[in-house]
C-alpha cells in the first residue's frame, strides 16, 4: 500500500520510515510534488492531525496520514500542548521553545511531563485516529545532540538519559509516535488481509 505522510519535517519523516520499515511505501509531500504549508488552526492535536490528512487527501485522492504531537507539562497546566512547535513564536525554533519552557518552569520541582502523538489516517475517504503517549520528566539543563524539538530536556520514565542522548533505535523503544504508529500498522495490515480474502 502507498501512503502519503503529510509532513515536511525531515526528522519526523526519518523517524516514521525507521519505524514502518518496508511494510508500506511512504511518500513525503515532496515525493508527491505537494509544496504547501498546512495550517494547524485548531486547539487540539486531534483536530490538527485531521486537518492535515484531510487537506492532502482532498488534494490527491491518495491514502494518507499525518500526525500532530504535543509536549504536556503538568506544572504548566498542560503547556506547551497544541502550541508545542510554535511555543516561542511562529518560526518553529526548537532552541527558543526549549529556552521558554525551562524559563517558565524555573526551579519548580514538579517536572512531570508527557509526549502525546495523534495520527490521522485516511483510507478510501474514511478517517481513523491512533494515539500514543510517553510519560517522563523535564530536566533543568539540555543534554544530548540527537533528535529534535524538546528531546534534549525530556527523560522518559525508566531512563536517566534524555531522548537527545539516545540513538533513533533506543528512542523508538519509548517513542509516543512509535506507539501510535504500531496501532496504525496493525490496522493497515488488517485492512490488507481483509482485501486479500
C-alpha atoms as a PDB file:
ATOM      1  CA  UNK A   1       0.000   0.000   0.000  1.00  0.00           C
ATOM      2  CA  UNK A   2       1.162   3.505  -0.870  1.00  0.00           C
ATOM      3  CA  UNK A   3       0.616   6.291   1.686  1.00  0.00           C
ATOM      4  CA  UNK A   4       1.459   9.976   1.701  1.00  0.00           C
ATOM      5  CA  UNK A   5       2.810  11.196   5.031  1.00  0.00           C
ATOM      6  CA  UNK A   6       1.556  14.782   5.310  1.00  0.00           C
ATOM      7  CA  UNK A   7       4.727  16.381   6.646  1.00  0.00           C
ATOM      8  CA  UNK A   8       7.761  18.359   5.523  1.00  0.00           C
ATOM      9  CA  UNK A   9       9.598  17.748   8.816  1.00  0.00           C
ATOM     10  CA  UNK A  10      12.688  15.739   7.814  1.00  0.00           C
ATOM     11  CA  UNK A  11      13.256  14.477  11.388  1.00  0.00           C
ATOM     12  CA  UNK A  12       9.709  13.101  11.581  1.00  0.00           C
ATOM     13  CA  UNK A  13       9.992  11.548   8.110  1.00  0.00           C
ATOM     14  CA  UNK A  14      13.242   9.803   9.134  1.00  0.00           C
ATOM     15  CA  UNK A  15      11.606   8.559  12.330  1.00  0.00           C
ATOM     16  CA  UNK A  16       8.458   7.332  10.532  1.00  0.00           C
ATOM     17  CA  UNK A  17      10.464   5.476   7.876  1.00  0.00           C
ATOM     18  CA  UNK A  18      12.658   3.834  10.522  1.00  0.00           C
ATOM     19  CA  UNK A  19       9.520   2.706  12.387  1.00  0.00           C
ATOM     20  CA  UNK A  20       7.463   1.475   9.432  1.00  0.00           C
ATOM     21  CA  UNK A  21      10.405  -0.058   7.574  1.00  0.00           C
ATOM     22  CA  UNK A  22       9.387  -1.534   4.219  1.00  0.00           C
ATOM     23  CA  UNK A  23       5.906  -2.665   5.287  1.00  0.00           C
ATOM     24  CA  UNK A  24       4.325   0.167   3.268  1.00  0.00           C
ATOM     25  CA  UNK A  25       5.539   2.660   0.675  1.00  0.00           C
ATOM     26  CA  UNK A  26       5.715   6.065   2.367  1.00  0.00           C
ATOM     27  CA  UNK A  27       5.716   9.172   0.184  1.00  0.00           C
ATOM     28  CA  UNK A  28       6.582  12.559   1.636  1.00  0.00           C
ATOM     29  CA  UNK A  29       4.832  15.741   0.482  1.00  0.00           C
ATOM     30  CA  UNK A  30       7.969  16.459  -1.567  1.00  0.00           C
ATOM     31  CA  UNK A  31       7.784  12.993  -3.220  1.00  0.00           C
ATOM     32  CA  UNK A  32       4.148  13.737  -4.085  1.00  0.00           C
ATOM     33  CA  UNK A  33       5.148  17.168  -5.514  1.00  0.00           C
ATOM     34  CA  UNK A  34       2.997  18.981  -2.942  1.00  0.00           C
ATOM     35  CA  UNK A  35       4.522  22.258  -1.856  1.00  0.00           C
ATOM     36  CA  UNK A  36       2.159  23.695   0.744  1.00  0.00           C
ATOM     37  CA  UNK A  37       2.383  24.535   4.405  1.00  0.00           C
ATOM     38  CA  UNK A  38      -0.789  23.158   6.001  1.00  0.00           C
ATOM     39  CA  UNK A  39      -2.271  25.324   8.741  1.00  0.00           C
ATOM     40  CA  UNK A  40      -2.761  23.940  12.263  1.00  0.00           C
ATOM     41  CA  UNK A  41      -5.531  26.272  13.423  1.00  0.00           C
ATOM     42  CA  UNK A  42      -7.262  24.064  15.995  1.00  0.00           C
ATOM     43  CA  UNK A  43      -6.947  23.878  19.753  1.00  0.00           C
ATOM     44  CA  UNK A  44      -6.441  20.088  19.953  1.00  0.00           C
ATOM     45  CA  UNK A  45      -3.776  17.897  18.372  1.00  0.00           C
ATOM     46  CA  UNK A  46      -6.527  15.509  17.197  1.00  0.00           C
ATOM     47  CA  UNK A  47      -8.188  18.272  15.130  1.00  0.00           C
ATOM     48  CA  UNK A  48      -4.843  19.478  13.721  1.00  0.00           C
ATOM     49  CA  UNK A  49      -3.857  15.947  12.656  1.00  0.00           C
ATOM     50  CA  UNK A  50      -7.262  15.575  10.950  1.00  0.00           C
ATOM     51  CA  UNK A  51      -6.882  18.923   9.196  1.00  0.00           C
ATOM     52  CA  UNK A  52      -3.541  17.922   7.659  1.00  0.00           C
ATOM     53  CA  UNK A  53      -4.626  14.500   6.391  1.00  0.00           C
ATOM     54  CA  UNK A  54      -7.957  15.848   5.015  1.00  0.00           C
ATOM     55  CA  UNK A  55      -6.208  18.616   3.055  1.00  0.00           C
ATOM     56  CA  UNK A  56      -3.791  16.112   1.471  1.00  0.00           C
ATOM     57  CA  UNK A  57      -6.486  13.525   0.745  1.00  0.00           C
ATOM     58  CA  UNK A  58      -8.710  16.136  -0.909  1.00  0.00           C
ATOM     59  CA  UNK A  59      -5.767  17.380  -2.986  1.00  0.00           C
ATOM     60  CA  UNK A  60      -4.541  13.972  -4.148  1.00  0.00           C
ATOM     61  CA  UNK A  61      -7.187  11.297  -3.569  1.00  0.00           C
ATOM     62  CA  UNK A  62      -4.285   9.125  -2.295  1.00  0.00           C
ATOM     63  CA  UNK A  63      -4.495   7.362   1.079  1.00  0.00           C
ATOM     64  CA  UNK A  64      -2.525   9.395   3.583  1.00  0.00           C
ATOM     65  CA  UNK A  65      -1.754  10.029   7.215  1.00  0.00           C
ATOM     66  CA  UNK A  66      -0.497  12.883   9.334  1.00  0.00           C
ATOM     67  CA  UNK A  67       0.432  13.360  12.929  1.00  0.00           C
ATOM     68  CA  UNK A  68       0.367  16.087  15.486  1.00  0.00           C
ATOM     69  CA  UNK A  69       2.388  15.896  18.655  1.00  0.00           C
ATOM     70  CA  UNK A  70       2.399  17.838  21.877  1.00  0.00           C
ATOM     71  CA  UNK A  71       4.508  18.048  24.981  1.00  0.00           C
ATOM     72  CA  UNK A  72       2.296  18.437  28.038  1.00  0.00           C
ATOM     73  CA  UNK A  73       3.902  19.625  31.266  1.00  0.00           C
ATOM     74  CA  UNK A  74       1.782  19.153  34.395  1.00  0.00           C
ATOM     75  CA  UNK A  75       3.167  22.129  36.340  1.00  0.00           C
ATOM     76  CA  UNK A  76       2.315  24.418  33.397  1.00  0.00           C
ATOM     77  CA  UNK A  77      -1.285  23.211  33.116  1.00  0.00           C
ATOM     78  CA  UNK A  78      -0.515  21.113  30.026  1.00  0.00           C
ATOM     79  CA  UNK A  79       1.596  23.724  28.200  1.00  0.00           C
ATOM     80  CA  UNK A  80       3.082  23.936  25.625  1.00  0.00           C
ATOM     81  CA  UNK A  81       0.432  21.442  24.409  1.00  0.00           C
ATOM     82  CA  UNK A  82      -1.019  22.132  20.983  1.00  0.00           C
ATOM     83  CA  UNK A  83       1.408  25.057  20.585  1.00  0.00           C
ATOM     84  CA  UNK A  84       4.494  22.842  21.145  1.00  0.00           C
ATOM     85  CA  UNK A  85       6.108  23.567  17.746  1.00  0.00           C
ATOM     86  CA  UNK A  86       5.415  27.311  17.946  1.00  0.00           C
ATOM     87  CA  UNK A  87       5.741  27.834  21.709  1.00  0.00           C
ATOM     88  CA  UNK A  88       8.239  30.714  21.427  1.00  0.00           C
ATOM     89  CA  UNK A  89       6.757  32.137  18.206  1.00  0.00           C
ATOM     90  CA  UNK A  90       5.776  31.136  14.694  1.00  0.00           C
ATOM     91  CA  UNK A  91       9.218  30.200  13.379  1.00  0.00           C
ATOM     92  CA  UNK A  92       9.369  26.626  14.834  1.00  0.00           C
ATOM     93  CA  UNK A  93      12.676  27.433  16.574  1.00  0.00           C
ATOM     94  CA  UNK A  94      13.474  24.402  18.756  1.00  0.00           C
ATOM     95  CA  UNK A  95      16.154  26.127  20.840  1.00  0.00           C
ATOM     96  CA  UNK A  96      13.872  29.074  21.654  1.00  0.00           C
ATOM     97  CA  UNK A  97      10.999  26.726  22.527  1.00  0.00           C
ATOM     98  CA  UNK A  98      13.202  24.804  24.970  1.00  0.00           C
ATOM     99  CA  UNK A  99      14.514  28.057  26.447  1.00  0.00           C
ATOM    100  CA  UNK A 100      10.978  29.348  27.035  1.00  0.00           C
ATOM    101  CA  UNK A 101       9.871  26.038  28.587  1.00  0.00           C
ATOM    102  CA  UNK A 102      12.808  25.959  31.028  1.00  0.00           C
ATOM    103  CA  UNK A 103      12.303  29.643  31.929  1.00  0.00           C
ATOM    104  CA  UNK A 104       8.597  29.066  32.675  1.00  0.00           C
ATOM    105  CA  UNK A 105       9.374  26.012  34.808  1.00  0.00           C
ATOM    106  CA  UNK A 106      12.176  27.798  36.689  1.00  0.00           C
ATOM    107  CA  UNK A 107      13.088  25.827  39.820  1.00  0.00           C
ATOM    108  CA  UNK A 108       9.721  24.035  40.039  1.00  0.00           C
ATOM    109  CA  UNK A 109      10.270  20.570  41.486  1.00  0.00           C
ATOM    110  CA  UNK A 110       7.245  19.041  39.707  1.00  0.00           C
ATOM    111  CA  UNK A 111       8.767  18.288  36.283  1.00  0.00           C
ATOM    112  CA  UNK A 112       6.298  15.536  35.247  1.00  0.00           C
ATOM    113  CA  UNK A 113       5.511  15.669  31.524  1.00  0.00           C
ATOM    114  CA  UNK A 114       4.414  13.531  28.612  1.00  0.00           C
ATOM    115  CA  UNK A 115       4.711  13.487  24.864  1.00  0.00           C
ATOM    116  CA  UNK A 116       1.432  12.694  23.126  1.00  0.00           C
ATOM    117  CA  UNK A 117       1.041  11.893  19.432  1.00  0.00           C
ATOM    118  CA  UNK A 118      -2.144  11.518  17.429  1.00  0.00           C
ATOM    119  CA  UNK A 119      -2.105  10.083  13.907  1.00  0.00           C
ATOM    120  CA  UNK A 120      -4.967  10.704  11.497  1.00  0.00           C
ATOM    121  CA  UNK A 121      -5.168   8.083   8.740  1.00  0.00           C
ATOM    122  CA  UNK A 122      -7.483   8.434   5.749  1.00  0.00           C
ATOM    123  CA  UNK A 123      -8.037   5.319   3.634  1.00  0.00           C
ATOM    124  CA  UNK A 124     -10.617   5.496   0.841  1.00  0.00           C
ATOM    125  CA  UNK A 125     -12.103   8.630   2.408  1.00  0.00           C
ATOM    126  CA  UNK A 126     -12.566   7.156   5.893  1.00  0.00           C
ATOM    127  CA  UNK A 127     -10.590   8.603   8.809  1.00  0.00           C
ATOM    128  CA  UNK A 128      -9.250   6.634  11.782  1.00  0.00           C
ATOM    129  CA  UNK A 129      -7.286   8.148  14.690  1.00  0.00           C
ATOM    130  CA  UNK A 130      -4.468   6.464  16.650  1.00  0.00           C
ATOM    131  CA  UNK A 131      -2.831   7.783  19.817  1.00  0.00           C
ATOM    132  CA  UNK A 132       0.419   7.098  21.642  1.00  0.00           C
ATOM    133  CA  UNK A 133       1.997   8.716  24.689  1.00  0.00           C
ATOM    134  CA  UNK A 134       5.254   8.608  26.629  1.00  0.00           C
ATOM    135  CA  UNK A 135       5.499   9.674  30.288  1.00  0.00           C
ATOM    136  CA  UNK A 136       8.649  11.287  31.626  1.00  0.00           C
ATOM    137  CA  UNK A 137      10.039  14.468  33.121  1.00  0.00           C
ATOM    138  CA  UNK A 138      11.771  17.695  32.125  1.00  0.00           C
ATOM    139  CA  UNK A 139      15.355  18.218  33.285  1.00  0.00           C
ATOM    140  CA  UNK A 140      16.879  21.596  34.226  1.00  0.00           C
ATOM    141  CA  UNK A 141      19.590  21.793  31.525  1.00  0.00           C
ATOM    142  CA  UNK A 142      19.521  20.415  27.952  1.00  0.00           C
ATOM    143  CA  UNK A 143      21.685  17.328  27.273  1.00  0.00           C
ATOM    144  CA  UNK A 144      22.484  15.464  24.056  1.00  0.00           C
ATOM    145  CA  UNK A 145      22.663  16.236  20.349  1.00  0.00           C
ATOM    146  CA  UNK A 146      20.370  13.629  18.754  1.00  0.00           C
ATOM    147  CA  UNK A 147      16.704  14.039  17.848  1.00  0.00           C
ATOM    148  CA  UNK A 148      14.869  17.336  17.645  1.00  0.00           C
ATOM    149  CA  UNK A 149      12.359  19.549  19.438  1.00  0.00           C
ATOM    150  CA  UNK A 150      12.229  19.048  23.198  1.00  0.00           C
ATOM    151  CA  UNK A 151      14.365  15.863  23.084  1.00  0.00           C
ATOM    152  CA  UNK A 152      17.344  17.475  24.938  1.00  0.00           C
ATOM    153  CA  UNK A 153      15.226  18.188  28.050  1.00  0.00           C
ATOM    154  CA  UNK A 154      12.878  15.151  28.124  1.00  0.00           C
ATOM    155  CA  UNK A 155      13.810  11.994  30.035  1.00  0.00           C
ATOM    156  CA  UNK A 156      11.364   9.102  29.510  1.00  0.00           C
ATOM    157  CA  UNK A 157      10.157   7.106  32.511  1.00  0.00           C
ATOM    158  CA  UNK A 158      12.592   4.330  33.459  1.00  0.00           C
ATOM    159  CA  UNK A 159      15.605   6.087  31.872  1.00  0.00           C
ATOM    160  CA  UNK A 160      18.280   8.503  33.077  1.00  0.00           C
ATOM    161  CA  UNK A 161      19.130   9.826  29.603  1.00  0.00           C
ATOM    162  CA  UNK A 162      17.248  12.371  27.535  1.00  0.00           C
ATOM    163  CA  UNK A 163      15.829  11.450  24.130  1.00  0.00           C
ATOM    164  CA  UNK A 164      18.653  13.583  22.656  1.00  0.00           C
ATOM    165  CA  UNK A 165      21.227  11.273  24.288  1.00  0.00           C
ATOM    166  CA  UNK A 166      19.768   8.204  22.559  1.00  0.00           C
ATOM    167  CA  UNK A 167      20.102   6.907  19.032  1.00  0.00           C
ATOM    168  CA  UNK A 168      16.918   6.532  16.969  1.00  0.00           C
ATOM    169  CA  UNK A 169      16.566   2.813  17.763  1.00  0.00           C
ATOM    170  CA  UNK A 170      16.812   3.378  21.513  1.00  0.00           C
ATOM    171  CA  UNK A 171      14.424   6.323  21.418  1.00  0.00           C
ATOM    172  CA  UNK A 172      11.922   4.216  19.468  1.00  0.00           C
ATOM    173  CA  UNK A 173      11.543   1.869  22.473  1.00  0.00           C
ATOM    174  CA  UNK A 174       9.775   4.692  24.326  1.00  0.00           C
ATOM    175  CA  UNK A 175       8.584   6.830  21.449  1.00  0.00           C
ATOM    176  CA  UNK A 176       4.999   8.160  21.616  1.00  0.00           C
ATOM    177  CA  UNK A 177       4.877   8.357  17.817  1.00  0.00           C
ATOM    178  CA  UNK A 178       6.003   4.724  17.576  1.00  0.00           C
ATOM    179  CA  UNK A 179       3.157   3.630  19.869  1.00  0.00           C
ATOM    180  CA  UNK A 180       0.627   5.405  17.645  1.00  0.00           C
ATOM    181  CA  UNK A 181       2.347   4.060  14.502  1.00  0.00           C
ATOM    182  CA  UNK A 182       2.281   0.479  15.793  1.00  0.00           C
ATOM    183  CA  UNK A 183      -1.509   0.790  16.045  1.00  0.00           C
ATOM    184  CA  UNK A 184      -1.631   2.307  12.540  1.00  0.00           C
ATOM    185  CA  UNK A 185       0.467  -0.522  11.035  1.00  0.00           C
ATOM    186  CA  UNK A 186      -1.654  -3.213  12.743  1.00  0.00           C
ATOM    187  CA  UNK A 187      -4.805  -1.524  11.386  1.00  0.00           C
ATOM    188  CA  UNK A 188      -3.383  -1.313   7.826  1.00  0.00           C
ATOM    189  CA  UNK A 189      -2.282  -4.962   7.922  1.00  0.00           C
ATOM    190  CA  UNK A 190      -5.822  -5.945   8.971  1.00  0.00           C
ATOM    191  CA  UNK A 191      -7.237  -3.950   6.029  1.00  0.00           C
ATOM    192  CA  UNK A 192      -4.824  -5.659   3.613  1.00  0.00           C
ATOM    193  CA  UNK A 193      -5.727  -9.108   4.982  1.00  0.00           C
ATOM    194  CA  UNK A 194      -9.445  -8.336   4.521  1.00  0.00           C
ATOM    195  CA  UNK A 195      -8.809  -7.141   0.967  1.00  0.00           C
ATOM    196  CA  UNK A 196      -6.966 -10.371   0.118  1.00  0.00           C
ATOM    197  CA  UNK A 197      -9.764 -12.611   1.423  1.00  0.00           C
END
